[in-house]
C-alpha cells in the first residue's frame, strides 16, 4: 500500500469518491426509468480528478519539505522519491477515474436509451 501512502489523504479520498461514482453508475443502470443520477455521476468524476491533483501536489510538497531538511549530497534521493510519489499518486487516480468514467458513461448512455428526455426526472 505504499502507492496510496505517497499521495496521502487526497488519494484515498479520490478512491472513495471513485467508488461512490461507480455505485451511482450501477444504481443508474438499475433505476434508469425512475430517476436520474447523472449529476451525481459527473460530480464524482470532477471530484475524483480534483482530489487526484491535490494528491499529486501533496506529494510534491512533502518532497520539497524533505529536500529542505537534508544536506546537499542527499537531495537527489529525496527529489527522486518525491517525483516517484507524484507519479504514483497520479497513476492511481487516473486508473480510478478512467474506470469510473467508463462505467458512468455506460450508465448515462443506457439511461438515455431507456428513458428519453421527456421521461423520468
C-alpha atoms as a PDB file:
ATOM      1  CA  UNK A   1       0.000   0.000   0.000  1.00  0.00           C
ATOM      2  CA  UNK A   2       2.995   2.274  -0.469  1.00  0.00           C
ATOM      3  CA  UNK A   3       1.370   3.775  -3.556  1.00  0.00           C
ATOM      4  CA  UNK A   4      -1.598   5.020  -1.538  1.00  0.00           C
ATOM      5  CA  UNK A   5       0.645   6.465   1.160  1.00  0.00           C
ATOM      6  CA  UNK A   6       2.580   8.551  -1.382  1.00  0.00           C
ATOM      7  CA  UNK A   7      -0.404  10.738  -2.181  1.00  0.00           C
ATOM      8  CA  UNK A   8      -1.692  10.924   1.367  1.00  0.00           C
ATOM      9  CA  UNK A   9      -5.302  11.513   2.305  1.00  0.00           C
ATOM     10  CA  UNK A  10      -6.341  13.121  -1.024  1.00  0.00           C
ATOM     11  CA  UNK A  11      -5.594   9.935  -2.976  1.00  0.00           C
ATOM     12  CA  UNK A  12      -7.523   7.796  -0.511  1.00  0.00           C
ATOM     13  CA  UNK A  13     -10.441  10.243  -0.713  1.00  0.00           C
ATOM     14  CA  UNK A  14     -10.256  10.162  -4.518  1.00  0.00           C
ATOM     15  CA  UNK A  15     -10.551   6.374  -4.418  1.00  0.00           C
ATOM     16  CA  UNK A  16     -13.553   6.618  -2.101  1.00  0.00           C
ATOM     17  CA  UNK A  17     -15.207   9.194  -4.367  1.00  0.00           C
ATOM     18  CA  UNK A  18     -14.479   6.881  -7.291  1.00  0.00           C
ATOM     19  CA  UNK A  19     -16.292   4.074  -5.505  1.00  0.00           C
ATOM     20  CA  UNK A  20     -19.255   6.389  -4.869  1.00  0.00           C
ATOM     21  CA  UNK A  21     -19.277   7.253  -8.572  1.00  0.00           C
ATOM     22  CA  UNK A  22     -19.233   3.569  -9.505  1.00  0.00           C
ATOM     23  CA  UNK A  23     -22.095   2.889  -7.086  1.00  0.00           C
ATOM     24  CA  UNK A  24     -24.058   5.762  -8.632  1.00  0.00           C
ATOM     25  CA  UNK A  25     -23.415   4.345 -12.109  1.00  0.00           C
ATOM     26  CA  UNK A  26     -24.691   0.916 -11.059  1.00  0.00           C
ATOM     27  CA  UNK A  27     -27.721   2.493  -9.383  1.00  0.00           C
ATOM     28  CA  UNK A  28     -28.375   4.487 -12.560  1.00  0.00           C
ATOM     29  CA  UNK A  29     -28.376   1.277 -14.588  1.00  0.00           C
ATOM     30  CA  UNK A  30     -30.857  -0.342 -12.196  1.00  0.00           C
ATOM     31  CA  UNK A  31     -33.120   2.713 -11.822  1.00  0.00           C
ATOM     32  CA  UNK A  32     -32.818   4.107 -15.345  1.00  0.00           C
ATOM     33  CA  UNK A  33     -36.534   4.765 -15.787  1.00  0.00           C
ATOM     34  CA  UNK A  34     -37.265   6.066 -12.306  1.00  0.00           C
ATOM     35  CA  UNK A  35     -34.702   8.788 -11.602  1.00  0.00           C
ATOM     36  CA  UNK A  36     -31.566  10.381 -12.946  1.00  0.00           C
ATOM     37  CA  UNK A  37     -28.236  10.210 -11.152  1.00  0.00           C
ATOM     38  CA  UNK A  38     -26.319  11.893 -13.970  1.00  0.00           C
ATOM     39  CA  UNK A  39     -25.391  14.987 -11.892  1.00  0.00           C
ATOM     40  CA  UNK A  40     -24.017  12.772  -9.109  1.00  0.00           C
ATOM     41  CA  UNK A  41     -22.013  10.696 -11.592  1.00  0.00           C
ATOM     42  CA  UNK A  42     -20.484  13.762 -13.240  1.00  0.00           C
ATOM     43  CA  UNK A  43     -19.791  15.400  -9.854  1.00  0.00           C
ATOM     44  CA  UNK A  44     -17.953  12.241  -8.766  1.00  0.00           C
ATOM     45  CA  UNK A  45     -15.798  12.406 -11.921  1.00  0.00           C
ATOM     46  CA  UNK A  46     -14.816  16.001 -11.291  1.00  0.00           C
ATOM     47  CA  UNK A  47     -14.234  15.472  -7.575  1.00  0.00           C
ATOM     48  CA  UNK A  48     -12.004  12.440  -8.153  1.00  0.00           C
ATOM     49  CA  UNK A  49      -9.868  14.360 -10.648  1.00  0.00           C
ATOM     50  CA  UNK A  50      -9.511  17.370  -8.340  1.00  0.00           C
ATOM     51  CA  UNK A  51      -8.633  15.187  -5.361  1.00  0.00           C
ATOM     52  CA  UNK A  52      -6.080  13.398  -7.538  1.00  0.00           C
ATOM     53  CA  UNK A  53      -4.482  16.701  -8.450  1.00  0.00           C
ATOM     54  CA  UNK A  54      -4.396  17.564  -4.752  1.00  0.00           C
ATOM     55  CA  UNK A  55      -2.684  14.216  -4.062  1.00  0.00           C
ATOM     56  CA  UNK A  56      -0.010  14.968  -6.643  1.00  0.00           C
ATOM     57  CA  UNK A  57       0.530  18.417  -5.125  1.00  0.00           C
ATOM     58  CA  UNK A  58       0.657  16.834  -1.665  1.00  0.00           C
ATOM     59  CA  UNK A  59       3.449  14.506  -2.773  1.00  0.00           C
ATOM     60  CA  UNK A  60       5.364  17.410  -4.309  1.00  0.00           C
ATOM     61  CA  UNK A  61       5.026  19.430  -1.122  1.00  0.00           C
ATOM     62  CA  UNK A  62       6.247  16.542   1.018  1.00  0.00           C
ATOM     63  CA  UNK A  63       9.239  16.068  -1.290  1.00  0.00           C
ATOM     64  CA  UNK A  64      10.088  19.757  -1.162  1.00  0.00           C
ATOM     65  CA  UNK A  65       9.838  19.789   2.596  1.00  0.00           C
ATOM     66  CA  UNK A  66      12.119  16.752   2.851  1.00  0.00           C
ATOM     67  CA  UNK A  67      14.663  18.291   0.479  1.00  0.00           C
ATOM     68  CA  UNK A  68      14.812  21.442   2.574  1.00  0.00           C
ATOM     69  CA  UNK A  69      15.859  19.460   5.636  1.00  0.00           C
ATOM     70  CA  UNK A  70      18.729  17.327   4.274  1.00  0.00           C
ATOM     71  CA  UNK A  71      22.287  18.081   3.337  1.00  0.00           C
ATOM     72  CA  UNK A  72      23.033  18.838  -0.328  1.00  0.00           C
ATOM     73  CA  UNK A  73      24.624  15.438  -1.008  1.00  0.00           C
ATOM     74  CA  UNK A  74      21.322  13.615  -0.368  1.00  0.00           C
ATOM     75  CA  UNK A  75      18.931  15.999  -2.106  1.00  0.00           C
ATOM     76  CA  UNK A  76      18.794  13.991  -5.337  1.00  0.00           C
ATOM     77  CA  UNK A  77      17.478  10.936  -3.490  1.00  0.00           C
ATOM     78  CA  UNK A  78      14.675  12.908  -1.863  1.00  0.00           C
ATOM     79  CA  UNK A  79      13.770  14.643  -5.115  1.00  0.00           C
ATOM     80  CA  UNK A  80      13.579  11.257  -6.861  1.00  0.00           C
ATOM     81  CA  UNK A  81      11.338   9.891  -4.104  1.00  0.00           C
ATOM     82  CA  UNK A  82       9.093  12.933  -4.392  1.00  0.00           C
ATOM     83  CA  UNK A  83       8.753  12.629  -8.156  1.00  0.00           C
ATOM     84  CA  UNK A  84       8.071   8.916  -7.758  1.00  0.00           C
ATOM     85  CA  UNK A  85       5.334   9.680  -5.230  1.00  0.00           C
ATOM     86  CA  UNK A  86       3.782  12.256  -7.525  1.00  0.00           C
ATOM     87  CA  UNK A  87       3.710   9.818 -10.427  1.00  0.00           C
ATOM     88  CA  UNK A  88       2.303   7.033  -8.247  1.00  0.00           C
ATOM     89  CA  UNK A  89      -0.491   9.277  -6.989  1.00  0.00           C
ATOM     90  CA  UNK A  90      -1.305  10.389 -10.497  1.00  0.00           C
ATOM     91  CA  UNK A  91      -1.417   6.822 -11.770  1.00  0.00           C
ATOM     92  CA  UNK A  92      -3.728   5.582  -9.019  1.00  0.00           C
ATOM     93  CA  UNK A  93      -6.172   8.422  -9.529  1.00  0.00           C
ATOM     94  CA  UNK A  94      -6.000   8.104 -13.320  1.00  0.00           C
ATOM     95  CA  UNK A  95      -6.935   4.423 -13.124  1.00  0.00           C
ATOM     96  CA  UNK A  96      -9.790   5.114 -10.694  1.00  0.00           C
ATOM     97  CA  UNK A  97     -11.088   7.966 -12.837  1.00  0.00           C
ATOM     98  CA  UNK A  98     -10.888   6.033 -16.112  1.00  0.00           C
ATOM     99  CA  UNK A  99     -12.848   3.109 -14.660  1.00  0.00           C
ATOM    100  CA  UNK A 100     -15.355   5.499 -13.150  1.00  0.00           C
ATOM    101  CA  UNK A 101     -15.801   7.447 -16.396  1.00  0.00           C
ATOM    102  CA  UNK A 102     -16.302   4.277 -18.448  1.00  0.00           C
ATOM    103  CA  UNK A 103     -18.914   2.903 -16.055  1.00  0.00           C
ATOM    104  CA  UNK A 104     -20.636   6.272 -15.717  1.00  0.00           C
ATOM    105  CA  UNK A 105     -20.697   6.870 -19.457  1.00  0.00           C
ATOM    106  CA  UNK A 106     -22.258   3.446 -19.998  1.00  0.00           C
ATOM    107  CA  UNK A 107     -24.898   4.189 -17.354  1.00  0.00           C
ATOM    108  CA  UNK A 108     -25.667   7.609 -18.840  1.00  0.00           C
ATOM    109  CA  UNK A 109     -25.936   6.102 -22.324  1.00  0.00           C
ATOM    110  CA  UNK A 110     -28.272   3.345 -21.148  1.00  0.00           C
ATOM    111  CA  UNK A 111     -30.389   5.903 -19.322  1.00  0.00           C
ATOM    112  CA  UNK A 112     -30.627   7.998 -22.479  1.00  0.00           C
ATOM    113  CA  UNK A 113     -31.775   4.968 -24.478  1.00  0.00           C
ATOM    114  CA  UNK A 114     -34.238   3.640 -21.894  1.00  0.00           C
ATOM    115  CA  UNK A 115     -35.730   6.899 -20.609  1.00  0.00           C
ATOM    116  CA  UNK A 116     -35.673   9.692 -23.203  1.00  0.00           C
ATOM    117  CA  UNK A 117     -35.644  13.351 -22.090  1.00  0.00           C
ATOM    118  CA  UNK A 118     -39.390  13.581 -21.621  1.00  0.00           C
ATOM    119  CA  UNK A 119     -39.347  10.532 -19.337  1.00  0.00           C
ATOM    120  CA  UNK A 120     -38.014  10.136 -15.814  1.00  0.00           C
ATOM    121  CA  UNK A 121     -36.714  13.033 -13.762  1.00  0.00           C
END
